[in-house]
Amino acid sequence: MEVISPHDLYEKVYAKVLEYLAVGVKQVWLVSSEHHTLTVYRSATNITVFLGDSELVSDDLFPGFHCSVRKIFMSSVRSVS
């Protein structure tokens, strides 16, 4: 899991994703607190973006795991308010 900083450059973050995948990491999760999204990379072309009300699932990596994307960002929304 990689949390994207507001100062991160897309090219550097994406290069890191590709590096992780190249060494055999099965999934890379990118968390954007700015956009309240979680992006799961299973490969350079198999990419799933989870938004707001969607349910984050990863049965191939964590069977039975599910979590509301909104819940992931709840504490950051409260701390900003």
PDB file of N, CA and C in Angstrom:
ATOM      1  N   MET A   1       0.858  -1.168   0.000  1.00  0.00           N
ATOM      2  CA  MET A   1       0.000   0.000   0.000  1.00  0.00           C
ATOM      3  C   MET A   1       0.898   1.221   0.000  1.00  0.00           C
ATOM      4  N   GLU A   2       0.565   2.151  -0.833  1.00  0.00           N
ATOM      5  CA  GLU A   2       1.314   3.401  -0.956  1.00  0.00           C
ATOM      6  C   GLU A   2       0.318   4.543  -0.821  1.00  0.00           C
ATOM      7  N   VAL A   3       0.590   5.460   0.097  1.00  0.00           N
ATOM      8  CA  VAL A   3      -0.255   6.642   0.257  1.00  0.00           C
ATOM      9  C   VAL A   3       0.374   7.761  -0.550  1.00  0.00           C
ATOM     10  N   ILE A   4      -0.416   8.319  -1.449  1.00  0.00           N
ATOM     11  CA  ILE A   4       0.086   9.371  -2.336  1.00  0.00           C
ATOM     12  C   ILE A   4       0.111  10.695  -1.588  1.00  0.00           C
ATOM     13  N   SER A   5       1.254  11.318  -1.582  1.00  0.00           N
ATOM     14  CA  SER A   5       1.427  12.630  -0.974  1.00  0.00           C
ATOM     15  C   SER A   5       1.029  13.698  -1.987  1.00  0.00           C
ATOM     16  N   PRO A   6       0.540  14.838  -1.516  1.00  0.00           N
ATOM     17  CA  PRO A   6       0.186  15.919  -2.453  1.00  0.00           C
ATOM     18  C   PRO A   6       1.370  16.381  -3.312  1.00  0.00           C
ATOM     19  N   HIS A   7       2.585  16.107  -2.860  1.00  0.00           N
ATOM     20  CA  HIS A   7       3.777  16.556  -3.594  1.00  0.00           C
ATOM     21  C   HIS A   7       4.362  15.467  -4.496  1.00  0.00           C
ATOM     22  N   ASP A   8       3.786  14.260  -4.465  1.00  0.00           N
ATOM     23  CA  ASP A   8       4.284  13.178  -5.314  1.00  0.00           C
ATOM     24  C   ASP A   8       3.973  13.458  -6.782  1.00  0.00           C
ATOM     25  N   LEU A   9       4.907  13.128  -7.629  1.00  0.00           N
ATOM     26  CA  LEU A   9       4.691  13.229  -9.070  1.00  0.00           C
ATOM     27  C   LEU A   9       4.133  11.903  -9.566  1.00  0.00           C
ATOM     28  N   TYR A  10       3.137  11.977 -10.443  1.00  0.00           N
ATOM     29  CA  TYR A  10       2.502  10.781 -10.974  1.00  0.00           C
ATOM     30  C   TYR A  10       3.530   9.810 -11.550  1.00  0.00           C
ATOM     31  N   GLU A  11       4.470  10.319 -12.316  1.00  0.00           N
ATOM     32  CA  GLU A  11       5.448   9.469 -12.979  1.00  0.00           C
ATOM     33  C   GLU A  11       6.274   8.672 -11.970  1.00  0.00           C
ATOM     34  N   LYS A  12       6.635   9.297 -10.860  1.00  0.00           N
ATOM     35  CA  LYS A  12       7.423   8.603  -9.839  1.00  0.00           C
ATOM     36  C   LYS A  12       6.589   7.554  -9.116  1.00  0.00           C
ATOM     37  N   VAL A  13       5.349   7.890  -8.809  1.00  0.00           N
ATOM     38  CA  VAL A  13       4.467   6.937  -8.137  1.00  0.00           C
ATOM     39  C   VAL A  13       4.206   5.747  -9.053  1.00  0.00           C
ATOM     40  N   TYR A  14       3.910   6.006 -10.311  1.00  0.00           N
ATOM     41  CA  TYR A  14       3.637   4.934 -11.257  1.00  0.00           C
ATOM     42  C   TYR A  14       4.872   4.058 -11.466  1.00  0.00           C
ATOM     43  N   ALA A  15       6.050   4.672 -11.523  1.00  0.00           N
ATOM     44  CA  ALA A  15       7.291   3.905 -11.664  1.00  0.00           C
ATOM     45  C   ALA A  15       7.473   2.971 -10.470  1.00  0.00           C
ATOM     46  N   LYS A  16       7.120   3.444  -9.283  1.00  0.00           N
ATOM     47  CA  LYS A  16       7.208   2.620  -8.084  1.00  0.00           C
ATOM     48  C   LYS A  16       6.240   1.444  -8.161  1.00  0.00           C
ATOM     49  N   VAL A  17       5.015   1.704  -8.638  1.00  0.00           N
ATOM     50  CA  VAL A  17       4.027   0.638  -8.825  1.00  0.00           C
ATOM     51  C   VAL A  17       4.600  -0.431  -9.749  1.00  0.00           C
ATOM     52  N   LEU A  18       5.166  -0.016 -10.864  1.00  0.00           N
ATOM     53  CA  LEU A  18       5.722  -0.967 -11.826  1.00  0.00           C
ATOM     54  C   LEU A  18       6.887  -1.752 -11.231  1.00  0.00           C
ATOM     55  N   GLU A  19       7.693  -1.094 -10.400  1.00  0.00           N
ATOM     56  CA  GLU A  19       8.803  -1.789  -9.732  1.00  0.00           C
ATOM     57  C   GLU A  19       8.272  -2.878  -8.808  1.00  0.00           C
ATOM     58  N   TYR A  20       7.270  -2.552  -8.008  1.00  0.00           N
ATOM     59  CA  TYR A  20       6.683  -3.540  -7.089  1.00  0.00           C
ATOM     60  C   TYR A  20       6.133  -4.728  -7.866  1.00  0.00           C
ATOM     61  N   LEU A  21       5.402  -4.449  -8.929  1.00  0.00           N
ATOM     62  CA  LEU A  21       4.819  -5.526  -9.733  1.00  0.00           C
ATOM     63  C   LEU A  21       5.911  -6.383 -10.388  1.00  0.00           C
ATOM     64  N   ALA A  22       6.987  -5.742 -10.833  1.00  0.00           N
ATOM     65  CA  ALA A  22       8.076  -6.454 -11.503  1.00  0.00           C
ATOM     66  C   ALA A  22       8.787  -7.449 -10.586  1.00  0.00           C
ATOM     67  N   VAL A  23       8.791  -7.173  -9.281  1.00  0.00           N
ATOM     68  CA  VAL A  23       9.462  -8.085  -8.347  1.00  0.00           C
ATOM     69  C   VAL A  23       8.499  -9.117  -7.759  1.00  0.00           C
ATOM     70  N   GLY A  24       7.261  -9.134  -8.275  1.00  0.00           N
ATOM     71  CA  GLY A  24       6.344 -10.188  -7.872  1.00  0.00           C
ATOM     72  C   GLY A  24       5.250  -9.821  -6.890  1.00  0.00           C
ATOM     73  N   VAL A  25       5.154  -8.548  -6.522  1.00  0.00           N
ATOM     74  CA  VAL A  25       4.056  -8.131  -5.643  1.00  0.00           C
ATOM     75  C   VAL A  25       2.752  -8.376  -6.390  1.00  0.00           C
ATOM     76  N   LYS A  26       1.798  -9.034  -5.742  1.00  0.00           N
ATOM     77  CA  LYS A  26       0.551  -9.416  -6.414  1.00  0.00           C
ATOM     78  C   LYS A  26      -0.397  -8.235  -6.620  1.00  0.00           C
ATOM     79  N   GLN A  27      -0.386  -7.282  -5.700  1.00  0.00           N
ATOM     80  CA  GLN A  27      -1.238  -6.093  -5.829  1.00  0.00           C
ATOM     81  C   GLN A  27      -0.523  -4.903  -5.208  1.00  0.00           C
ATOM     82  N   VAL A  28      -0.728  -3.751  -5.808  1.00  0.00           N
ATOM     83  CA  VAL A  28      -0.256  -2.499  -5.232  1.00  0.00           C
ATOM     84  C   VAL A  28      -1.484  -1.627  -5.038  1.00  0.00           C
ATOM     85  N   TRP A  29      -1.668  -1.158  -3.826  1.00  0.00           N
ATOM     86  CA  TRP A  29      -2.815  -0.295  -3.513  1.00  0.00           C
ATOM     87  C   TRP A  29      -2.299   1.130  -3.359  1.00  0.00           C
ATOM     88  N   LEU A  30      -2.836   2.044  -4.163  1.00  0.00           N
ATOM     89  CA  LEU A  30      -2.496   3.464  -4.051  1.00  0.00           C
ATOM     90  C   LEU A  30      -3.669   4.187  -3.410  1.00  0.00           C
ATOM     91  N   VAL A  31      -3.378   4.898  -2.348  1.00  0.00           N
ATOM     92  CA  VAL A  31      -4.406   5.628  -1.618  1.00  0.00           C
ATOM     93  C   VAL A  31      -4.219   7.113  -1.868  1.00  0.00           C
ATOM     94  N   SER A  32      -5.272   7.763  -2.358  1.00  0.00           N
ATOM     95  CA  SER A  32      -5.241   9.209  -2.561  1.00  0.00           C
ATOM     96  C   SER A  32      -6.216   9.854  -1.588  1.00  0.00           C
ATOM     97  N   SER A  33      -5.668  10.447  -0.539  1.00  0.00           N
ATOM     98  CA  SER A  33      -6.545  11.114   0.428  1.00  0.00           C
ATOM     99  C   SER A  33      -7.112  12.406  -0.160  1.00  0.00           C
ATOM    100  N   GLU A  34      -6.431  12.975  -1.133  1.00  0.00           N
ATOM    101  CA  GLU A  34      -6.926  14.185  -1.783  1.00  0.00           C
ATOM    102  C   GLU A  34      -8.193  13.900  -2.587  1.00  0.00           C
ATOM    103  N   HIS A  35      -8.213  12.761  -3.294  1.00  0.00           N
ATOM    104  CA  HIS A  35      -9.350  12.429  -4.149  1.00  0.00           C
ATOM    105  C   HIS A  35     -10.279  11.380  -3.535  1.00  0.00           C
ATOM    106  N   HIS A  36      -9.893  10.894  -2.363  1.00  0.00           N
ATOM    107  CA  HIS A  36     -10.665   9.849  -1.667  1.00  0.00           C
ATOM    108  C   HIS A  36     -10.898   8.640  -2.569  1.00  0.00           C
ATOM    109  N   THR A  37      -9.798   8.181  -3.160  1.00  0.00           N
ATOM    110  CA  THR A  37      -9.855   6.989  -4.003  1.00  0.00           C
ATOM    111  C   THR A  37      -8.796   5.999  -3.548  1.00  0.00           C
ATOM    112  N   LEU A  38      -9.043   4.757  -3.862  1.00  0.00           N
ATOM    113  CA  LEU A  38      -8.063   3.706  -3.652  1.00  0.00           C
ATOM    114  C   LEU A  38      -7.964   2.948  -4.970  1.00  0.00           C
ATOM    115  N   THR A  39      -6.777   2.912  -5.529  1.00  0.00           N
ATOM    116  CA  THR A  39      -6.556   2.271  -6.821  1.00  0.00           C
ATOM    117  C   THR A  39      -5.742   1.004  -6.607  1.00  0.00           C
ATOM    118  N   VAL A  40      -6.262  -0.114  -7.111  1.00  0.00           N
ATOM    119  CA  VAL A  40      -5.581  -1.400  -6.976  1.00  0.00           C
ATOM    120  C   VAL A  40      -4.998  -1.792  -8.328  1.00  0.00           C
ATOM    121  N   TYR A  41      -3.680  -1.983  -8.346  1.00  0.00           N
ATOM    122  CA  TYR A  41      -2.971  -2.454  -9.542  1.00  0.00           C
ATOM    123  C   TYR A  41      -2.651  -3.925  -9.342  1.00  0.00           C
ATOM    124  N   ARG A  42      -3.170  -4.753 -10.224  1.00  0.00           N
ATOM    125  CA  ARG A  42      -2.813  -6.178 -10.241  1.00  0.00           C
ATOM    126  C   ARG A  42      -1.759  -6.433 -11.327  1.00  0.00           C
ATOM    127  N   SER A  43      -1.683  -5.522 -12.260  1.00  0.00           N
ATOM    128  CA  SER A  43      -0.667  -5.501 -13.315  1.00  0.00           C
ATOM    129  C   SER A  43      -0.701  -4.083 -13.892  1.00  0.00           C
ATOM    130  N   ALA A  44       0.144  -3.838 -14.880  1.00  0.00           N
ATOM    131  CA  ALA A  44       0.160  -2.504 -15.492  1.00  0.00           C
ATOM    132  C   ALA A  44      -1.132  -2.212 -16.236  1.00  0.00           C
ATOM    133  N   THR A  45      -1.890  -3.262 -16.584  1.00  0.00           N
ATOM    134  CA  THR A  45      -3.140  -3.062 -17.327  1.00  0.00           C
ATOM    135  C   THR A  45      -4.388  -3.496 -16.567  1.00  0.00           C
ATOM    136  N   ASN A  46      -4.234  -4.197 -15.462  1.00  0.00           N
ATOM    137  CA  ASN A  46      -5.376  -4.635 -14.658  1.00  0.00           C
ATOM    138  C   ASN A  46      -5.465  -3.720 -13.441  1.00  0.00           C
ATOM    139  N   ILE A  47      -6.253  -2.670 -13.589  1.00  0.00           N
ATOM    140  CA  ILE A  47      -6.319  -1.590 -12.596  1.00  0.00           C
ATOM    141  C   ILE A  47      -7.779  -1.369 -12.220  1.00  0.00           C
ATOM    142  N   THR A  48      -8.040  -1.306 -10.916  1.00  0.00           N
ATOM    143  CA  THR A  48      -9.392  -1.051 -10.439  1.00  0.00           C
ATOM    144  C   THR A  48      -9.357   0.159  -9.516  1.00  0.00           C
ATOM    145  N   VAL A  49     -10.234   1.124  -9.769  1.00  0.00           N
ATOM    146  CA  VAL A  49     -10.327   2.316  -8.927  1.00  0.00           C
ATOM    147  C   VAL A  49     -11.594   2.207  -8.087  1.00  0.00           C
ATOM    148  N   PHE A  50     -11.425   2.362  -6.782  1.00  0.00           N
ATOM    149  CA  PHE A  50     -12.545   2.329  -5.849  1.00  0.00           C
ATOM    150  C   PHE A  50     -12.798   3.756  -5.364  1.00  0.00           C
ATOM    151  N   LEU A  51     -14.046   4.205  -5.505  1.00  0.00           N
ATOM    152  CA  LEU A  51     -14.440   5.569  -5.154  1.00  0.00           C
ATOM    153  C   LEU A  51     -15.427   5.560  -3.992  1.00  0.00           C
ATOM    154  N   GLY A  52     -15.590   6.705  -3.368  1.00  0.00           N
ATOM    155  CA  GLY A  52     -16.592   6.997  -2.354  1.00  0.00           C
ATOM    156  C   GLY A  52     -17.404   5.879  -1.758  1.00  0.00           C
ATOM    157  N   ASP A  53     -18.553   5.578  -2.350  1.00  0.00           N
ATOM    158  CA  ASP A  53     -19.470   4.602  -1.788  1.00  0.00           C
ATOM    159  C   ASP A  53     -19.169   3.164  -2.184  1.00  0.00           C
ATOM    160  N   SER A  54     -18.140   2.946  -2.987  1.00  0.00           N
ATOM    161  CA  SER A  54     -17.864   1.572  -3.420  1.00  0.00           C
ATOM    162  C   SER A  54     -17.281   0.746  -2.276  1.00  0.00           C
ATOM    163  N   GLU A  55     -17.356  -0.539  -2.449  1.00  0.00           N
ATOM    164  CA  GLU A  55     -16.880  -1.498  -1.467  1.00  0.00           C
ATOM    165  C   GLU A  55     -15.544  -2.062  -1.959  1.00  0.00           C
ATOM    166  N   LEU A  56     -14.501  -1.844  -1.180  1.00  0.00           N
ATOM    167  CA  LEU A  56     -13.185  -2.366  -1.519  1.00  0.00           C
ATOM    168  C   LEU A  56     -13.181  -3.859  -1.231  1.00  0.00           C
ATOM    169  N   VAL A  57     -12.896  -4.653  -2.250  1.00  0.00           N
ATOM    170  CA  VAL A  57     -12.776  -6.102  -2.104  1.00  0.00           C
ATOM    171  C   VAL A  57     -11.489  -6.551  -2.777  1.00  0.00           C
ATOM    172  N   SER A  58     -10.911  -7.597  -2.234  1.00  0.00           N
ATOM    173  CA  SER A  58      -9.693  -8.152  -2.811  1.00  0.00           C
ATOM    174  C   SER A  58      -9.671  -9.647  -2.514  1.00  0.00           C
ATOM    175  N   ASP A  59     -10.674 -10.345  -3.030  1.00  0.00           N
ATOM    176  CA  ASP A  59     -10.812 -11.775  -2.734  1.00  0.00           C
ATOM    177  C   ASP A  59      -9.610 -12.600  -3.182  1.00  0.00           C
ATOM    178  N   ASP A  60      -8.953 -12.194  -4.259  1.00  0.00           N
ATOM    179  CA  ASP A  60      -7.801 -12.964  -4.710  1.00  0.00           C
ATOM    180  C   ASP A  60      -6.616 -12.855  -3.756  1.00  0.00           C
ATOM    181  N   LEU A  61      -6.529 -11.768  -2.995  1.00  0.00           N
ATOM    182  CA  LEU A  61      -5.431 -11.577  -2.046  1.00  0.00           C
ATOM    183  C   LEU A  61      -5.886 -11.799  -0.609  1.00  0.00           C
ATOM    184  N   PHE A  62      -7.063 -11.281  -0.275  1.00  0.00           N
ATOM    185  CA  PHE A  62      -7.617 -11.390   1.072  1.00  0.00           C
ATOM    186  C   PHE A  62      -9.043 -11.925   0.987  1.00  0.00           C
ATOM    187  N   PRO A  63      -9.211 -13.240   0.886  1.00  0.00           N
ATOM    188  CA  PRO A  63     -10.562 -13.808   0.756  1.00  0.00           C
ATOM    189  C   PRO A  63     -11.476 -13.339   1.887  1.00  0.00           C
ATOM    190  N   GLY A  64     -12.655 -12.857   1.493  1.00  0.00           N
ATOM    191  CA  GLY A  64     -13.642 -12.400   2.470  1.00  0.00           C
ATOM    192  C   GLY A  64     -13.460 -10.964   2.933  1.00  0.00           C
ATOM    193  N   PHE A  65     -12.350 -10.330   2.558  1.00  0.00           N
ATOM    194  CA  PHE A  65     -12.115  -8.943   2.974  1.00  0.00           C
ATOM    195  C   PHE A  65     -13.006  -8.002   2.179  1.00  0.00           C
ATOM    196  N   HIS A  66     -13.619  -7.071   2.883  1.00  0.00           N
ATOM    197  CA  HIS A  66     -14.352  -5.986   2.237  1.00  0.00           C
ATOM    198  C   HIS A  66     -14.401  -4.808   3.194  1.00  0.00           C
ATOM    199  N   CYS A  67     -14.387  -3.624   2.628  1.00  0.00           N
ATOM    200  CA  CYS A  67     -14.400  -2.406   3.438  1.00  0.00           C
ATOM    201  C   CYS A  67     -14.938  -1.267   2.580  1.00  0.00           C
ATOM    202  N   SER A  68     -15.790  -0.471   3.168  1.00  0.00           N
ATOM    203  CA  SER A  68     -16.298   0.703   2.477  1.00  0.00           C
ATOM    204  C   SER A  68     -15.160   1.710   2.285  1.00  0.00           C
ATOM    205  N   VAL A  69     -14.997   2.178   1.072  1.00  0.00           N
ATOM    206  CA  VAL A  69     -13.957   3.173   0.804  1.00  0.00           C
ATOM    207  C   VAL A  69     -14.201   4.420   1.648  1.00  0.00           C
ATOM    208  N   ARG A  70     -15.446   4.776   1.820  1.00  0.00           N
ATOM    209  CA  ARG A  70     -15.782   5.943   2.626  1.00  0.00           C
ATOM    210  C   ARG A  70     -15.225   5.814   4.049  1.00  0.00           C
ATOM    211  N   LYS A  71     -15.280   4.608   4.629  1.00  0.00           N
ATOM    212  CA  LYS A  71     -14.770   4.388   5.988  1.00  0.00           C
ATOM    213  C   LYS A  71     -13.262   4.616   6.072  1.00  0.00           C
ATOM    214  N   ILE A  72     -12.559   4.295   5.017  1.00  0.00           N
ATOM    215  CA  ILE A  72     -11.108   4.489   5.010  1.00  0.00           C
ATOM    216  C   ILE A  72     -10.761   5.959   5.198  1.00  0.00           C
ATOM    217  N   PHE A  73     -11.586   6.827   4.612  1.00  0.00           N
ATOM    218  CA  PHE A  73     -11.285   8.251   4.652  1.00  0.00           C
ATOM    219  C   PHE A  73     -12.051   9.009   5.739  1.00  0.00           C
ATOM    220  N   MET A  74     -12.861   8.343   6.511  1.00  0.00           N
ATOM    221  CA  MET A  74     -13.661   9.020   7.537  1.00  0.00           C
ATOM    222  C   MET A  74     -12.815   9.820   8.514  1.00  0.00           C
ATOM    223  N   SER A  75     -11.761   9.250   9.029  1.00  0.00           N
ATOM    224  CA  SER A  75     -10.945   9.951  10.025  1.00  0.00           C
ATOM    225  C   SER A  75     -10.247  11.158   9.415  1.00  0.00           C
ATOM    226  N   SER A  76      -9.829  11.062   8.145  1.00  0.00           N
ATOM    227  CA  SER A  76      -9.177  12.217   7.526  1.00  0.00           C
ATOM    228  C   SER A  76     -10.171  13.338   7.271  1.00  0.00           C
ATOM    229  N   VAL A  77     -11.438  12.991   6.995  1.00  0.00           N
ATOM    230  CA  VAL A  77     -12.453  14.012   6.787  1.00  0.00           C
ATOM    231  C   VAL A  77     -12.738  14.721   8.111  1.00  0.00           C
ATOM    232  N   ARG A  78     -12.834  13.948   9.183  1.00  0.00           N
ATOM    233  CA  ARG A  78     -13.086  14.548  10.500  1.00  0.00           C
ATOM    234  C   ARG A  78     -11.956  15.453  10.939  1.00  0.00           C
ATOM    235  N   SER A  79     -10.708  15.042  10.694  1.00  0.00           N
ATOM    236  CA  SER A  79      -9.578  15.841  11.164  1.00  0.00           C
ATOM    237  C   SER A  79      -9.430  17.137  10.361  1.00  0.00           C
ATOM    238  N   VAL A  80      -9.913  17.150   9.131  1.00  0.00           N
ATOM    239  CA  VAL A  80      -9.819  18.352   8.312  1.00  0.00           C
ATOM    240  C   VAL A  80     -10.898  19.349   8.707  1.00  0.00           C
ATOM    241  N   SER A  81     -12.066  18.853   9.097  1.00  0.00           N
ATOM    242  CA  SER A  81     -13.196  19.726   9.432  1.00  0.00           C
ATOM    243  C   SER A  81     -12.940  20.556  10.647  1.00  0.00           C
TER     244      SER A  81
END
